[in-house]
Protein backbone atom coordinates (compact mmCIF):
# COMPACT_ATOMS: atom_id res chain seq x y z
CA UNK A 1 104.00 120.39 168.41
CA UNK A 2 103.11 123.98 167.92
CA UNK A 3 101.19 125.53 165.91
CA UNK A 4 102.02 127.02 162.60
CA UNK A 5 102.71 131.09 162.72
CA UNK A 6 101.43 133.32 160.01
CA UNK A 7 104.80 134.84 158.24
CA UNK A 8 103.01 136.73 155.18
CA UNK A 9 99.82 138.31 153.96
CA UNK A 10 99.36 139.73 150.47
CA UNK A 11 97.63 139.49 147.50
CA UNK A 12 98.55 138.36 143.76
CA UNK A 13 98.91 141.38 141.60
CA UNK A 14 98.35 141.28 137.94
CA UNK A 15 101.76 141.46 136.61
CA UNK A 16 102.98 138.62 138.71
CA UNK A 17 100.85 136.55 136.63
CA UNK A 18 102.16 134.50 133.28
CA UNK A 19 100.89 133.68 129.91
CA UNK A 20 99.31 130.68 131.28
CA UNK A 21 96.97 133.41 133.32
CA UNK A 22 98.10 132.41 136.47
CA UNK A 23 100.55 133.32 138.95
CA UNK A 24 104.04 132.98 138.00
CA UNK A 25 106.48 130.67 140.11
CA UNK A 26 109.00 132.84 141.00
CA UNK A 27 106.46 135.50 142.98
CA UNK A 28 105.34 132.11 144.84
CA UNK A 29 109.24 131.79 145.95
CA UNK A 30 109.61 135.83 146.48
CA UNK A 31 106.72 135.52 148.82
CA UNK A 32 107.81 132.54 150.58
CA UNK A 33 111.73 133.77 150.92
CA UNK A 34 110.01 137.12 152.34
CA UNK A 35 108.55 134.66 155.21
CA UNK A 36 112.13 133.57 156.11
CA UNK A 37 112.69 137.79 157.56
CA UNK A 38 109.61 137.47 159.66
CA UNK A 39 110.87 133.86 160.76
CA UNK A 40 114.20 135.62 161.16
CA UNK A 41 112.36 138.32 163.90
CA UNK A 42 110.59 134.82 165.66
CA UNK A 43 114.58 133.51 165.92
CA UNK A 44 115.77 136.97 167.30
CA UNK A 45 117.87 136.97 164.14
CA UNK A 46 115.77 139.74 162.34
CA UNK A 47 116.89 142.87 160.42
CA UNK A 48 118.92 144.35 163.41
CA UNK A 49 120.50 141.16 163.80
CA UNK A 50 121.42 141.24 160.33
CA UNK A 51 122.55 144.75 160.45
CA UNK A 52 124.69 144.36 163.25
CA UNK A 53 126.24 141.21 162.62
CA UNK A 54 126.28 141.29 158.65
CA UNK A 55 124.67 137.48 158.66
CA UNK A 56 120.99 136.21 158.05
CA UNK A 57 118.72 133.49 156.84
CA UNK A 58 119.40 132.36 153.27
CA UNK A 59 118.25 129.16 151.62
CA UNK A 60 120.21 126.28 150.54
CA UNK A 61 117.74 124.11 149.18
CA UNK A 62 114.11 124.24 148.23
CA UNK A 63 111.29 121.75 147.46
CA UNK A 64 108.22 123.08 146.38
CA UNK A 65 104.98 121.88 145.43
CA UNK A 66 102.27 123.90 143.50
CA UNK A 67 98.60 122.90 144.62
CA UNK A 68 96.45 125.40 142.95
CA UNK A 69 96.21 127.94 140.75
CA UNK A 70 96.04 131.49 142.00
CA UNK A 71 95.23 133.94 139.83
CA UNK A 72 95.12 138.40 139.75
CA UNK A 73 93.61 139.87 142.78
CA UNK A 74 93.32 136.36 144.93
CA UNK A 75 94.08 137.37 148.38
CA UNK A 76 96.81 134.98 150.28
CA UNK A 77 98.71 134.11 153.48
CA UNK A 78 101.70 132.08 154.21
CA UNK A 79 102.09 130.38 157.58
CA UNK A 80 104.91 127.94 158.69
CA UNK A 81 106.95 126.14 161.36
CA UNK A 82 110.29 124.38 162.19
CA UNK A 83 110.48 120.69 161.09
CA UNK A 84 114.45 120.44 162.46
CA UNK A 85 117.13 122.18 164.54
CA UNK A 86 120.72 122.05 163.65
CA UNK A 87 124.01 123.84 164.33
CA UNK A 88 124.01 125.80 161.14
CA UNK A 89 120.52 126.25 160.10
CA UNK A 90 116.73 124.99 160.15
CA UNK A 91 114.37 122.92 157.90
CA UNK A 92 111.65 124.88 157.44
CA UNK A 93 108.04 124.28 156.17
CA UNK A 94 105.76 126.72 155.03
CA UNK A 95 102.38 126.77 152.90
CA UNK A 96 100.84 129.59 150.95
CA UNK A 97 96.74 129.71 151.62
CA UNK A 98 94.10 131.32 149.71
CA UNK A 99 92.29 133.72 152.56
CA UNK A 100 89.12 133.33 150.72
CA UNK A 101 88.92 129.71 150.21
CA UNK A 102 91.18 128.16 153.16
CA UNK A 103 93.00 125.68 150.23
CA UNK A 104 96.80 125.36 150.46
CA UNK A 105 97.82 126.49 147.07
CA UNK A 106 101.87 125.86 147.27
CA UNK A 107 104.17 124.13 149.93
CA UNK A 108 107.67 124.78 150.52
CA UNK A 109 110.26 123.02 152.52
CA UNK A 110 113.34 124.86 153.12
CA UNK A 111 117.27 124.00 154.45
CA UNK A 112 118.01 127.41 155.86
CA UNK A 113 121.16 128.48 156.76
CA UNK A 114 122.81 131.31 158.45
CA UNK A 115 125.16 133.09 156.07
CA UNK A 116 127.37 136.20 155.73
CA UNK A 117 125.53 138.60 153.61
CA UNK A 118 128.76 140.06 151.73
CA UNK A 119 130.77 136.61 151.51
CA UNK A 120 127.63 133.98 151.53
CA UNK A 121 129.79 131.98 153.89
CA UNK A 122 127.65 129.55 156.21
CA UNK A 123 127.73 130.45 159.65
CA UNK A 124 126.73 128.91 162.91
CA UNK A 125 123.27 129.57 163.65
CA UNK A 126 123.27 131.34 167.04
CA UNK A 127 122.51 129.60 170.21
CA UNK A 128 119.13 132.13 170.99
CA UNK A 129 118.03 131.24 167.87
CA UNK A 130 118.08 127.42 167.93
CA UNK A 131 116.30 127.68 171.75
CA UNK A 132 113.82 129.94 170.11
CA UNK A 133 113.45 127.72 166.92
CA UNK A 134 112.81 125.04 169.19
CA UNK A 135 109.08 126.84 170.02
CA UNK A 136 107.83 126.36 166.84
CA UNK A 137 108.54 122.84 165.57
CA UNK A 138 105.93 121.19 163.77
CA UNK A 139 105.54 117.99 161.97
CA UNK A 140 105.36 118.01 158.17
CA UNK A 141 102.12 117.96 156.66
CA UNK A 142 101.23 114.87 154.27
CA UNK A 143 100.33 118.02 151.48
CA UNK A 144 103.49 119.37 151.68
CA UNK A 145 105.57 116.19 151.39
CA UNK A 146 107.51 115.29 148.21
CA UNK A 147 105.67 113.45 145.59
CA UNK A 148 106.61 113.09 142.19
CA UNK A 149 109.91 113.83 143.26
CA UNK A 150 112.92 111.93 145.02
CA UNK A 151 114.70 113.79 147.41
CA UNK A 152 118.21 112.34 147.83
CA UNK A 153 121.68 114.11 148.60
CA UNK A 154 122.47 116.52 145.65
CA UNK A 155 125.11 114.94 142.86
CA UNK A 156 128.52 116.45 142.82
CA UNK A 157 128.45 119.74 141.01
CA UNK A 158 128.35 119.60 137.41
CA UNK A 159 130.21 121.76 135.19
CA UNK A 160 129.40 123.58 131.90
CA UNK A 161 131.40 121.12 130.06
CA UNK A 162 129.53 118.07 131.10
CA UNK A 163 126.23 119.80 129.99
CA UNK A 164 127.41 120.16 126.61
CA UNK A 165 129.13 116.66 126.33
CA UNK A 166 125.47 115.19 127.46
CA UNK A 167 123.81 117.70 124.99
CA UNK A 168 121.57 119.34 127.17
CA UNK A 169 120.02 122.13 125.42
CA UNK A 170 120.29 125.65 126.51
CA UNK A 171 116.93 127.44 127.06
CA UNK A 172 118.11 130.75 128.84
CA UNK A 173 120.83 132.94 128.68
CA UNK A 174 121.25 136.52 130.07
CA UNK A 175 123.13 138.99 132.05
CA UNK A 176 122.18 139.41 135.54
CA UNK A 177 120.74 142.88 136.38
CA UNK A 178 120.00 145.25 139.24
CA UNK A 179 116.57 144.46 139.85
CA UNK A 180 117.19 140.56 139.91
CA UNK A 181 119.54 141.49 142.87
CA UNK A 182 119.63 141.92 146.60
CA UNK A 183 121.06 144.66 148.21
CA UNK A 184 124.43 142.97 148.53
CA UNK A 185 124.26 142.39 144.48
CA UNK A 186 123.79 138.85 144.65
CA UNK A 187 120.98 136.93 142.76
CA UNK A 188 117.82 136.60 144.36
CA UNK A 189 116.69 133.21 145.11
CA UNK A 190 113.22 134.08 143.18
CA UNK A 191 114.89 134.66 139.91
CA UNK A 192 116.82 131.23 139.97
CA UNK A 193 113.07 129.47 139.43
CA UNK A 194 112.28 132.99 137.81
CA UNK A 195 114.90 131.84 134.87
CA UNK A 196 113.75 128.43 134.53
CA UNK A 197 110.15 129.44 134.25
CA UNK A 198 111.28 131.59 131.15
CA UNK A 199 113.30 129.01 129.56
CA UNK A 200 110.32 126.77 129.43
CA UNK A 201 109.12 128.43 126.19
CA UNK A 202 112.02 127.77 124.56
CA UNK A 203 111.63 123.52 125.42
CA UNK A 204 108.06 123.76 124.26
CA UNK A 205 109.46 125.17 121.01
CA UNK A 206 111.24 121.47 120.95
CA UNK A 207 108.27 119.65 121.75
CA UNK A 208 104.88 119.35 119.27
CA UNK A 209 103.43 121.40 122.40
CA UNK A 210 104.79 124.47 121.03
CA UNK A 211 102.80 124.05 117.82
CA UNK A 212 99.77 126.26 118.53
CA UNK A 213 97.91 125.29 115.59
CA UNK A 214 98.13 121.61 115.94
CA UNK A 215 97.47 121.65 119.90
CA UNK A 216 95.76 125.08 120.24
CA UNK A 217 94.06 124.11 124.04
CA UNK A 218 97.44 122.18 125.22
CA UNK A 219 99.83 123.80 127.65
CA UNK A 220 101.72 122.40 130.88
CA UNK A 221 102.06 123.69 134.44
CA UNK A 222 105.03 122.80 136.91
CA UNK A 223 103.70 120.63 139.68
CA UNK A 224 106.62 120.38 141.91
CA UNK A 225 110.42 121.79 141.95
CA UNK A 226 113.46 120.92 143.97
CA UNK A 227 116.17 123.91 143.92
CA UNK A 228 119.52 123.42 144.76
CA UNK A 229 121.60 126.69 145.51
CA UNK A 230 125.00 125.95 145.05
CA UNK A 231 127.61 129.23 144.22
CA UNK A 232 125.88 132.68 144.18
CA UNK A 233 125.81 134.56 140.95
CA UNK A 234 126.39 138.29 140.96
CA UNK A 235 125.31 141.37 139.58
CA UNK A 236 126.32 141.42 135.68
CA UNK A 237 127.16 137.82 135.65
CA UNK A 238 126.17 136.07 132.17
CA UNK A 239 123.84 133.29 133.28
CA UNK A 240 123.04 129.99 130.91
CA UNK A 241 120.65 127.41 131.87
CA UNK A 242 120.70 123.76 130.30
CA UNK A 243 118.27 121.46 130.58
CA UNK A 244 117.62 117.82 129.67
CA UNK A 245 114.34 115.60 130.19
CA UNK A 246 115.09 112.47 132.86
CA UNK A 247 111.48 110.87 132.93
CA UNK A 248 108.05 110.83 131.21
CA UNK A 249 104.94 109.35 132.58
CA UNK A 250 101.35 109.30 131.57
CA UNK A 251 100.57 112.69 132.23
CA UNK A 252 103.83 114.58 133.59
CA UNK A 253 107.26 114.64 132.50
CA UNK A 254 110.64 115.56 134.59
CA UNK A 255 113.36 118.15 133.35
CA UNK A 256 116.41 118.81 134.93
CA UNK A 257 117.75 122.38 134.57
CA UNK A 258 121.90 122.99 135.38
CA UNK A 259 122.35 126.97 135.83
CA UNK A 260 125.88 128.24 134.93
CA UNK A 261 128.06 131.51 135.06
CA UNK A 262 128.98 131.52 131.36
CA UNK A 263 132.07 133.10 131.72
CA UNK A 264 133.43 130.80 134.81
CA UNK A 265 131.56 127.09 134.01
CA UNK A 266 130.78 127.05 137.19
CA UNK A 267 127.39 125.71 138.48
CA UNK A 268 125.00 128.28 140.20
CA UNK A 269 122.05 125.73 141.15
CA UNK A 270 120.73 122.62 139.77
CA UNK A 271 116.88 121.87 139.66
CA UNK A 272 114.17 119.32 138.90
CA UNK A 273 110.63 120.21 137.73
CA UNK A 274 108.00 117.86 137.47
CA UNK A 275 105.75 119.64 134.91
CA UNK A 276 102.09 117.86 133.73
CA UNK A 277 100.40 118.36 130.08
CA UNK A 278 96.96 120.23 130.62
CA UNK A 279 94.10 121.16 128.42
CA UNK A 280 94.26 124.78 128.99
CA UNK A 281 90.46 125.32 127.73
CA UNK A 282 89.12 123.03 130.65
CA UNK A 283 92.03 123.72 132.83
CA UNK A 284 92.55 120.18 133.75
CA UNK A 285 95.18 117.54 133.12
CA UNK A 286 95.70 115.39 130.42
CA UNK A 287 97.24 112.52 128.94
CA UNK A 288 100.48 113.39 126.80
CA UNK A 289 99.77 113.43 123.02
CA UNK A 290 100.82 110.53 121.14
CA UNK A 291 103.13 113.32 118.83
CA UNK A 292 104.29 115.26 122.09
CA UNK A 293 105.51 112.02 123.82
CA UNK A 294 107.15 111.13 121.10
CA UNK A 295 109.23 114.29 120.64
CA UNK A 296 110.00 114.15 124.50
CA UNK A 297 111.14 110.84 124.82
CA UNK A 298 113.94 112.08 121.88
CA UNK A 299 114.72 114.13 124.40
CA UNK A 300 115.58 111.95 127.32
CA UNK A 301 119.16 111.87 128.56
CA UNK A 302 120.20 109.00 130.67
CA UNK A 303 121.56 109.76 134.70
CA UNK A 304 120.21 113.29 135.24
CA UNK A 305 120.12 114.23 138.68
CA UNK A 306 119.62 117.10 140.66
């Protein structure tokens, strides 16, 4: 087996942090997606190939674990390796490492496809890339394996009508802006999880966790995500996210998010997220307070799936 190769080296910017005081989830994903471009260079399908052939590597399915908080100014690098190779793409592992402490801050397992840049049609992975990928084969580290989520085959594509019938909460709605799209006008991968992150305050408003008077030190943080990218959204599309609660544990709970094109009702992405209750003053996990638990349990919807 090969050693992981370095793909990205950078630092956390102040504007990449959020109201919880740590690097927002969308910027973890942004950096990991940048690493795919570096991978493409190593496989012979880098920017020159993209320009000549009109095709590049895209993520179809993401599993992400957030292992350590990263704050403004923290230096980091991302390393990775190939887990498996098939005709249309790769299963790829990456991990973000704090440069100062050498501690892994996040891990990413990506199902990667070669796609046409303009139509986003799936294309065969060139033979030269498949051959080159075998030089980067690694085993999945235990720290990157799924923990709070069961990674199964995605369900059939849900519809907006189904979400409404189930009583899922609208937690986000907005037009897709130019800054949220790539050069071809498609929604950037990081904006999928970014929109879900932006939706969280609307979820908290539905629970006692949103009562800052009663629970001034209680907050939450995402531990793990799985995102299935289904039908690309484009510049100007109006996006809506519908959310339901799948599970409540002692300290954690699992939200299911379905993202739709409001105009067509077609699904854009589906996701599951494991969140943990935190004492924000001590920066440690705590059991879910009784009143918050009661509210969460009232929001449970049976049968939700990514």
